[in-house]
Amino acid sequence: MSSQPSSTASRQIVWSSVVTVISAAILIGAEVFGAAFAGGWALAILLGLEDTGAHILQAVLFALGVLVMIAFVRAAQRVEPFFKRA
């Protein structure tokens, strides 16, 4: 027997949890991506990189920011479940 819940079980979306996680993700995302942009620019100046190097560094930091946001949303879903059993 499988310990997985049946796919026919009724689930309801908990909108307050969804809105909370999305709101926090927007706030934290603005900080993470702003820091990636500014940090890439600052590091490029510190390392003496040209514009192309600065853009590449910003893209790398932006990609790391995406990974941070994915990890945040996954962790937030565990704390604030999006679904409840009806």
PDB file of N, CA and C in Angstrom:
ATOM      1  N   MET A   1       0.833  -1.183   0.000  1.00  0.00           N
ATOM      2  CA  MET A   1       0.000   0.000   0.000  1.00  0.00           C
ATOM      3  C   MET A   1       0.879   1.248   0.000  1.00  0.00           C
ATOM      4  N   SER A   2       0.425   2.230  -0.659  1.00  0.00           N
ATOM      5  CA  SER A   2       1.166   3.484  -0.751  1.00  0.00           C
ATOM      6  C   SER A   2       0.767   4.412   0.389  1.00  0.00           C
ATOM      7  N   SER A   3       1.762   5.134   0.916  1.00  0.00           N
ATOM      8  CA  SER A   3       1.459   6.103   1.974  1.00  0.00           C
ATOM      9  C   SER A   3       1.105   7.467   1.395  1.00  0.00           C
ATOM     10  N   GLN A   4       1.106   7.574   0.072  1.00  0.00           N
ATOM     11  CA  GLN A   4       0.757   8.824  -0.606  1.00  0.00           C
ATOM     12  C   GLN A   4      -0.746   9.048  -0.508  1.00  0.00           C
ATOM     13  N   PRO A   5      -1.187  10.314  -0.336  1.00  0.00           N
ATOM     14  CA  PRO A   5      -2.638  10.571  -0.316  1.00  0.00           C
ATOM     15  C   PRO A   5      -3.237  10.307  -1.688  1.00  0.00           C
ATOM     16  N   SER A   6      -4.483   9.910  -1.671  1.00  0.00           N
ATOM     17  CA  SER A   6      -5.133   9.604  -2.940  1.00  0.00           C
ATOM     18  C   SER A   6      -5.360  10.876  -3.743  1.00  0.00           C
ATOM     19  N   SER A   7      -5.256  10.751  -5.062  1.00  0.00           N
ATOM     20  CA  SER A   7      -5.408  11.920  -5.930  1.00  0.00           C
ATOM     21  C   SER A   7      -6.859  12.387  -6.000  1.00  0.00           C
ATOM     22  N   THR A   8      -7.787  11.554  -5.520  1.00  0.00           N
ATOM     23  CA  THR A   8      -9.193  11.942  -5.553  1.00  0.00           C
ATOM     24  C   THR A   8      -9.597  12.708  -4.298  1.00  0.00           C
ATOM     25  N   ALA A   9      -8.689  12.812  -3.335  1.00  0.00           N
ATOM     26  CA  ALA A   9      -9.006  13.551  -2.111  1.00  0.00           C
ATOM     27  C   ALA A   9      -9.229  15.024  -2.452  1.00  0.00           C
ATOM     28  N   SER A  10     -10.242  15.607  -1.827  1.00  0.00           N
ATOM     29  CA  SER A  10     -10.582  16.995  -2.085  1.00  0.00           C
ATOM     30  C   SER A  10      -9.615  17.911  -1.344  1.00  0.00           C
ATOM     31  N   ARG A  11      -9.067  18.885  -2.077  1.00  0.00           N
ATOM     32  CA  ARG A  11      -8.156  19.852  -1.470  1.00  0.00           C
ATOM     33  C   ARG A  11      -8.672  21.258  -1.749  1.00  0.00           C
ATOM     34  N   GLN A  12      -8.508  22.127  -0.787  1.00  0.00           N
ATOM     35  CA  GLN A  12      -8.905  23.516  -0.946  1.00  0.00           C
ATOM     36  C   GLN A  12      -7.669  24.396  -0.826  1.00  0.00           C
ATOM     37  N   ILE A  13      -7.626  25.448  -1.637  1.00  0.00           N
ATOM     38  CA  ILE A  13      -6.520  26.394  -1.581  1.00  0.00           C
ATOM     39  C   ILE A  13      -6.711  27.300  -0.377  1.00  0.00           C
ATOM     40  N   VAL A  14      -5.641  27.475   0.394  1.00  0.00           N
ATOM     41  CA  VAL A  14      -5.663  28.379   1.543  1.00  0.00           C
ATOM     42  C   VAL A  14      -5.106  29.713   1.037  1.00  0.00           C
ATOM     43  N   TRP A  15      -6.015  30.596   0.614  1.00  0.00           N
ATOM     44  CA  TRP A  15      -5.611  31.832  -0.048  1.00  0.00           C
ATOM     45  C   TRP A  15      -4.799  32.747   0.852  1.00  0.00           C
ATOM     46  N   SER A  16      -5.075  32.757   2.142  1.00  0.00           N
ATOM     47  CA  SER A  16      -4.292  33.626   3.029  1.00  0.00           C
ATOM     48  C   SER A  16      -2.829  33.198   3.054  1.00  0.00           C
ATOM     49  N   SER A  17      -2.570  31.896   3.011  1.00  0.00           N
ATOM     50  CA  SER A  17      -1.187  31.410   2.969  1.00  0.00           C
ATOM     51  C   SER A  17      -0.533  31.742   1.635  1.00  0.00           C
ATOM     52  N   VAL A  18      -1.273  31.575   0.548  1.00  0.00           N
ATOM     53  CA  VAL A  18      -0.742  31.868  -0.779  1.00  0.00           C
ATOM     54  C   VAL A  18      -0.374  33.348  -0.884  1.00  0.00           C
ATOM     55  N   VAL A  19      -1.265  34.218  -0.443  1.00  0.00           N
ATOM     56  CA  VAL A  19      -1.015  35.656  -0.511  1.00  0.00           C
ATOM     57  C   VAL A  19       0.170  36.041   0.376  1.00  0.00           C
ATOM     58  N   THR A  20       0.257  35.442   1.548  1.00  0.00           N
ATOM     59  CA  THR A  20       1.369  35.729   2.457  1.00  0.00           C
ATOM     60  C   THR A  20       2.704  35.369   1.825  1.00  0.00           C
ATOM     61  N   VAL A  21       2.803  34.171   1.256  1.00  0.00           N
ATOM     62  CA  VAL A  21       4.054  33.717   0.652  1.00  0.00           C
ATOM     63  C   VAL A  21       4.399  34.560  -0.571  1.00  0.00           C
ATOM     64  N   ILE A  22       3.410  34.870  -1.411  1.00  0.00           N
ATOM     65  CA  ILE A  22       3.673  35.685  -2.598  1.00  0.00           C
ATOM     66  C   ILE A  22       4.125  37.090  -2.198  1.00  0.00           C
ATOM     67  N   SER A  23       3.490  37.671  -1.198  1.00  0.00           N
ATOM     68  CA  SER A  23       3.869  39.008  -0.739  1.00  0.00           C
ATOM     69  C   SER A  23       5.292  39.020  -0.194  1.00  0.00           C
ATOM     70  N   ALA A  24       5.626  38.025   0.609  1.00  0.00           N
ATOM     71  CA  ALA A  24       6.983  37.936   1.153  1.00  0.00           C
ATOM     72  C   ALA A  24       7.992  37.698   0.032  1.00  0.00           C
ATOM     73  N   ALA A  25       7.623  36.875  -0.956  1.00  0.00           N
ATOM     74  CA  ALA A  25       8.530  36.602  -2.075  1.00  0.00           C
ATOM     75  C   ALA A  25       8.794  37.867  -2.889  1.00  0.00           C
ATOM     76  N   ILE A  26       7.780  38.695  -3.062  1.00  0.00           N
ATOM     77  CA  ILE A  26       7.973  39.960  -3.794  1.00  0.00           C
ATOM     78  C   ILE A  26       8.925  40.869  -3.029  1.00  0.00           C
ATOM     79  N   LEU A  27       8.712  40.992  -1.731  1.00  0.00           N
ATOM     80  CA  LEU A  27       9.574  41.845  -0.906  1.00  0.00           C
ATOM     81  C   LEU A  27      11.009  41.323  -0.885  1.00  0.00           C
ATOM     82  N   ILE A  28      11.181  40.059  -0.607  1.00  0.00           N
ATOM     83  CA  ILE A  28      12.519  39.485  -0.522  1.00  0.00           C
ATOM     84  C   ILE A  28      13.169  39.448  -1.904  1.00  0.00           C
ATOM     85  N   GLY A  29      12.375  39.187  -2.941  1.00  0.00           N
ATOM     86  CA  GLY A  29      12.911  39.178  -4.303  1.00  0.00           C
ATOM     87  C   GLY A  29      13.461  40.531  -4.707  1.00  0.00           C
ATOM     88  N   ALA A  30      12.770  41.604  -4.339  1.00  0.00           N
ATOM     89  CA  ALA A  30      13.261  42.947  -4.651  1.00  0.00           C
ATOM     90  C   ALA A  30      14.609  43.182  -3.986  1.00  0.00           C
ATOM     91  N   GLU A  31      14.752  42.723  -2.762  1.00  0.00           N
ATOM     92  CA  GLU A  31      16.025  42.889  -2.058  1.00  0.00           C
ATOM     93  C   GLU A  31      17.115  42.020  -2.665  1.00  0.00           C
ATOM     94  N   VAL A  32      16.801  40.769  -2.950  1.00  0.00           N
ATOM     95  CA  VAL A  32      17.799  39.834  -3.488  1.00  0.00           C
ATOM     96  C   VAL A  32      18.277  40.294  -4.862  1.00  0.00           C
ATOM     97  N   PHE A  33      17.349  40.649  -5.742  1.00  0.00           N
ATOM     98  CA  PHE A  33      17.751  41.030  -7.100  1.00  0.00           C
ATOM     99  C   PHE A  33      18.384  42.414  -7.134  1.00  0.00           C
ATOM    100  N   GLY A  34      17.964  43.305  -6.246  1.00  0.00           N
ATOM    101  CA  GLY A  34      18.624  44.598  -6.127  1.00  0.00           C
ATOM    102  C   GLY A  34      20.059  44.434  -5.641  1.00  0.00           C
ATOM    103  N   ALA A  35      20.246  43.548  -4.664  1.00  0.00           N
ATOM    104  CA  ALA A  35      21.593  43.277  -4.158  1.00  0.00           C
ATOM    105  C   ALA A  35      22.452  42.610  -5.232  1.00  0.00           C
ATOM    106  N   ALA A  36      21.855  41.741  -6.050  1.00  0.00           N
ATOM    107  CA  ALA A  36      22.607  41.090  -7.131  1.00  0.00           C
ATOM    108  C   ALA A  36      23.078  42.124  -8.150  1.00  0.00           C
ATOM    109  N   PHE A  37      22.202  43.040  -8.507  1.00  0.00           N
ATOM    110  CA  PHE A  37      22.571  44.079  -9.476  1.00  0.00           C
ATOM    111  C   PHE A  37      23.656  44.993  -8.911  1.00  0.00           C
ATOM    112  N   ALA A  38      23.417  45.517  -7.704  1.00  0.00           N
ATOM    113  CA  ALA A  38      24.363  46.444  -7.093  1.00  0.00           C
ATOM    114  C   ALA A  38      25.681  45.744  -6.744  1.00  0.00           C
ATOM    115  N   GLY A  39      25.584  44.522  -6.244  1.00  0.00           N
ATOM    116  CA  GLY A  39      26.794  43.769  -5.902  1.00  0.00           C
ATOM    117  C   GLY A  39      27.634  43.447  -7.126  1.00  0.00           C
ATOM    118  N   GLY A  40      26.972  43.085  -8.224  1.00  0.00           N
ATOM    119  CA  GLY A  40      27.699  42.821  -9.469  1.00  0.00           C
ATOM    120  C   GLY A  40      28.405  44.064  -9.977  1.00  0.00           C
ATOM    121  N   TRP A  41      27.724  45.179  -9.902  1.00  0.00           N
ATOM    122  CA  TRP A  41      28.310  46.454 -10.326  1.00  0.00           C
ATOM    123  C   TRP A  41      29.512  46.814  -9.448  1.00  0.00           C
ATOM    124  N   ALA A  42      29.350  46.689  -8.120  1.00  0.00           N
ATOM    125  CA  ALA A  42      30.421  47.038  -7.189  1.00  0.00           C
ATOM    126  C   ALA A  42      31.617  46.102  -7.338  1.00  0.00           C
ATOM    127  N   LEU A  43      31.360  44.807  -7.456  1.00  0.00           N
ATOM    128  CA  LEU A  43      32.460  43.858  -7.631  1.00  0.00           C
ATOM    129  C   LEU A  43      33.184  44.069  -8.955  1.00  0.00           C
ATOM    130  N   ALA A  44      32.439  44.423  -9.994  1.00  0.00           N
ATOM    131  CA  ALA A  44      33.059  44.682 -11.295  1.00  0.00           C
ATOM    132  C   ALA A  44      34.016  45.869 -11.207  1.00  0.00           C
ATOM    133  N   ILE A  45      33.618  46.908 -10.505  1.00  0.00           N
ATOM    134  CA  ILE A  45      34.496  48.064 -10.319  1.00  0.00           C
ATOM    135  C   ILE A  45      35.715  47.668  -9.494  1.00  0.00           C
ATOM    136  N   LEU A  46      35.473  46.914  -8.420  1.00  0.00           N
ATOM    137  CA  LEU A  46      36.556  46.483  -7.544  1.00  0.00           C
ATOM    138  C   LEU A  46      37.573  45.619  -8.300  1.00  0.00           C
ATOM    139  N   LEU A  47      37.079  44.762  -9.182  1.00  0.00           N
ATOM    140  CA  LEU A  47      37.953  43.868  -9.944  1.00  0.00           C
ATOM    141  C   LEU A  47      38.468  44.504 -11.232  1.00  0.00           C
ATOM    142  N   GLY A  48      38.033  45.709 -11.537  1.00  0.00           N
ATOM    143  CA  GLY A  48      38.489  46.403 -12.733  1.00  0.00           C
ATOM    144  C   GLY A  48      37.947  45.806 -14.027  1.00  0.00           C
ATOM    145  N   LEU A  49      36.735  45.295 -13.999  1.00  0.00           N
ATOM    146  CA  LEU A  49      36.128  44.683 -15.183  1.00  0.00           C
ATOM    147  C   LEU A  49      35.481  45.744 -16.067  1.00  0.00           C
ATOM    148  N   GLU A  50      35.405  45.451 -17.341  1.00  0.00           N
ATOM    149  CA  GLU A  50      34.700  46.329 -18.290  1.00  0.00           C
ATOM    150  C   GLU A  50      33.192  46.090 -18.161  1.00  0.00           C
ATOM    151  N   ASP A  51      32.424  46.779 -19.003  1.00  0.00           N
ATOM    152  CA  ASP A  51      30.962  46.653 -18.959  1.00  0.00           C
ATOM    153  C   ASP A  51      30.491  45.224 -19.187  1.00  0.00           C
ATOM    154  N   THR A  52      31.109  44.535 -20.132  1.00  0.00           N
ATOM    155  CA  THR A  52      30.698  43.165 -20.425  1.00  0.00           C
ATOM    156  C   THR A  52      30.938  42.266 -19.221  1.00  0.00           C
ATOM    157  N   GLY A  53      32.071  42.412 -18.581  1.00  0.00           N
ATOM    158  CA  GLY A  53      32.368  41.629 -17.380  1.00  0.00           C
ATOM    159  C   GLY A  53      31.397  41.940 -16.257  1.00  0.00           C
ATOM    160  N   ALA A  54      31.029  43.213 -16.129  1.00  0.00           N
ATOM    161  CA  ALA A  54      30.068  43.608 -15.102  1.00  0.00           C
ATOM    162  C   ALA A  54      28.718  42.959 -15.360  1.00  0.00           C
ATOM    163  N   HIS A  55      28.295  42.948 -16.615  1.00  0.00           N
ATOM    164  CA  HIS A  55      27.001  42.342 -16.951  1.00  0.00           C
ATOM    165  C   HIS A  55      27.013  40.836 -16.707  1.00  0.00           C
ATOM    166  N   ILE A  56      28.123  40.198 -17.020  1.00  0.00           N
ATOM    167  CA  ILE A  56      28.228  38.749 -16.775  1.00  0.00           C
ATOM    168  C   ILE A  56      28.175  38.471 -15.274  1.00  0.00           C
ATOM    169  N   LEU A  57      28.899  39.260 -14.490  1.00  0.00           N
ATOM    170  CA  LEU A  57      28.896  39.088 -13.041  1.00  0.00           C
ATOM    171  C   LEU A  57      27.502  39.330 -12.470  1.00  0.00           C
ATOM    172  N   GLN A  58      26.810  40.335 -12.977  1.00  0.00           N
ATOM    173  CA  GLN A  58      25.446  40.595 -12.528  1.00  0.00           C
ATOM    174  C   GLN A  58      24.519  39.439 -12.891  1.00  0.00           C
ATOM    175  N   ALA A  59      24.710  38.864 -14.071  1.00  0.00           N
ATOM    176  CA  ALA A  59      23.877  37.729 -14.485  1.00  0.00           C
ATOM    177  C   ALA A  59      24.113  36.523 -13.584  1.00  0.00           C
ATOM    178  N   VAL A  60      25.363  36.284 -13.207  1.00  0.00           N
ATOM    179  CA  VAL A  60      25.682  35.163 -12.316  1.00  0.00           C
ATOM    180  C   VAL A  60      25.033  35.388 -10.945  1.00  0.00           C
ATOM    181  N   LEU A  61      25.161  36.592 -10.421  1.00  0.00           N
ATOM    182  CA  LEU A  61      24.546  36.892  -9.133  1.00  0.00           C
ATOM    183  C   LEU A  61      23.020  36.856  -9.215  1.00  0.00           C
ATOM    184  N   PHE A  62      22.464  37.260 -10.357  1.00  0.00           N
ATOM    185  CA  PHE A  62      21.020  37.182 -10.570  1.00  0.00           C
ATOM    186  C   PHE A  62      20.565  35.721 -10.539  1.00  0.00           C
ATOM    187  N   ALA A  63      21.331  34.833 -11.196  1.00  0.00           N
ATOM    188  CA  ALA A  63      20.995  33.403 -11.195  1.00  0.00           C
ATOM    189  C   ALA A  63      21.051  32.839  -9.778  1.00  0.00           C
ATOM    190  N   LEU A  64      22.035  33.264  -8.988  1.00  0.00           N
ATOM    191  CA  LEU A  64      22.087  32.839  -7.594  1.00  0.00           C
ATOM    192  C   LEU A  64      20.870  33.358  -6.828  1.00  0.00           C
ATOM    193  N   GLY A  65      20.430  34.572  -7.165  1.00  0.00           N
ATOM    194  CA  GLY A  65      19.235  35.133  -6.557  1.00  0.00           C
ATOM    195  C   GLY A  65      17.996  34.308  -6.874  1.00  0.00           C
ATOM    196  N   VAL A  66      17.909  33.814  -8.099  1.00  0.00           N
ATOM    197  CA  VAL A  66      16.783  32.954  -8.473  1.00  0.00           C
ATOM    198  C   VAL A  66      16.788  31.683  -7.622  1.00  0.00           C
ATOM    199  N   LEU A  67      17.973  31.101  -7.414  1.00  0.00           N
ATOM    200  CA  LEU A  67      18.064  29.909  -6.567  1.00  0.00           C
ATOM    201  C   LEU A  67      17.647  30.214  -5.132  1.00  0.00           C
ATOM    202  N   VAL A  68      18.039  31.377  -4.623  1.00  0.00           N
ATOM    203  CA  VAL A  68      17.635  31.784  -3.276  1.00  0.00           C
ATOM    204  C   VAL A  68      16.113  31.916  -3.196  1.00  0.00           C
ATOM    205  N   MET A  69      15.509  32.505  -4.219  1.00  0.00           N
ATOM    206  CA  MET A  69      14.056  32.691  -4.209  1.00  0.00           C
ATOM    207  C   MET A  69      13.319  31.353  -4.298  1.00  0.00           C
ATOM    208  N   ILE A  70      13.824  30.444  -5.089  1.00  0.00           N
ATOM    209  CA  ILE A  70      13.206  29.112  -5.175  1.00  0.00           C
ATOM    210  C   ILE A  70      13.272  28.428  -3.817  1.00  0.00           C
ATOM    211  N   ALA A  71      14.430  28.494  -3.168  1.00  0.00           N
ATOM    212  CA  ALA A  71      14.579  27.891  -1.840  1.00  0.00           C
ATOM    213  C   ALA A  71      13.644  28.561  -0.830  1.00  0.00           C
ATOM    214  N   PHE A  72      13.499  29.882  -0.916  1.00  0.00           N
ATOM    215  CA  PHE A  72      12.612  30.591   0.008  1.00  0.00           C
ATOM    216  C   PHE A  72      11.161  30.140  -0.169  1.00  0.00           C
ATOM    217  N   VAL A  73      10.685  30.094  -1.403  1.00  0.00           N
ATOM    218  CA  VAL A  73       9.285  29.727  -1.643  1.00  0.00           C
ATOM    219  C   VAL A  73       9.032  28.287  -1.209  1.00  0.00           C
ATOM    220  N   ARG A  74       9.963  27.390  -1.461  1.00  0.00           N
ATOM    221  CA  ARG A  74       9.784  25.998  -1.017  1.00  0.00           C
ATOM    222  C   ARG A  74       9.715  25.902   0.499  1.00  0.00           C
ATOM    223  N   ALA A  75      10.603  26.619   1.179  1.00  0.00           N
ATOM    224  CA  ALA A  75      10.592  26.594   2.642  1.00  0.00           C
ATOM    225  C   ALA A  75       9.317  27.252   3.183  1.00  0.00           C
ATOM    226  N   ALA A  76       8.879  28.321   2.547  1.00  0.00           N
ATOM    227  CA  ALA A  76       7.667  29.012   2.991  1.00  0.00           C
ATOM    228  C   ALA A  76       6.440  28.124   2.803  1.00  0.00           C
ATOM    229  N   GLN A  77       6.429  27.311   1.773  1.00  0.00           N
ATOM    230  CA  GLN A  77       5.297  26.400   1.555  1.00  0.00           C
ATOM    231  C   GLN A  77       5.192  25.372   2.665  1.00  0.00           C
ATOM    232  N   ARG A  78       6.318  24.976   3.230  1.00  0.00           N
ATOM    233  CA  ARG A  78       6.271  24.015   4.330  1.00  0.00           C
ATOM    234  C   ARG A  78       5.679  24.651   5.587  1.00  0.00           C
ATOM    235  N   VAL A  79       5.963  25.932   5.787  1.00  0.00           N
ATOM    236  CA  VAL A  79       5.455  26.633   6.962  1.00  0.00           C
ATOM    237  C   VAL A  79       4.008  27.070   6.757  1.00  0.00           C
ATOM    238  N   GLU A  80       3.712  27.582   5.565  1.00  0.00           N
ATOM    239  CA  GLU A  80       2.374  28.065   5.209  1.00  0.00           C
ATOM    240  C   GLU A  80       1.836  27.200   4.066  1.00  0.00           C
ATOM    241  N   PRO A  81       1.239  26.042   4.358  1.00  0.00           N
ATOM    242  CA  PRO A  81       0.766  25.163   3.293  1.00  0.00           C
ATOM    243  C   PRO A  81      -0.264  25.846   2.395  1.00  0.00           C
ATOM    244  N   PHE A  82      -0.167  25.601   1.101  1.00  0.00           N
ATOM    245  CA  PHE A  82      -1.073  26.216   0.126  1.00  0.00           C
ATOM    246  C   PHE A  82      -2.405  25.471   0.037  1.00  0.00           C
ATOM    247  N   PHE A  83      -2.435  24.217   0.471  1.00  0.00           N
ATOM    248  CA  PHE A  83      -3.642  23.394   0.364  1.00  0.00           C
ATOM    249  C   PHE A  83      -3.988  22.780   1.702  1.00  0.00           C
ATOM    250  N   LYS A  84      -5.277  22.576   1.908  1.00  0.00           N
ATOM    251  CA  LYS A  84      -5.724  21.815   3.059  1.00  0.00           C
ATOM    252  C   LYS A  84      -6.748  20.796   2.580  1.00  0.00           C
ATOM    253  N   ARG A  85      -6.817  19.728   3.279  1.00  0.00           N
ATOM    254  CA  ARG A  85      -7.779  18.667   2.940  1.00  0.00           C
ATOM    255  C   ARG A  85      -9.165  19.089   3.379  1.00  0.00           C
ATOM    256  N   ALA A  86     -10.113  18.879   2.509  1.00  0.00           N
ATOM    257  CA  ALA A  86     -11.493  19.238   2.833  1.00  0.00           C
ATOM    258  C   ALA A  86     -12.209  18.072   3.467  1.00  0.00           C
TER     259      ALA A  86
END
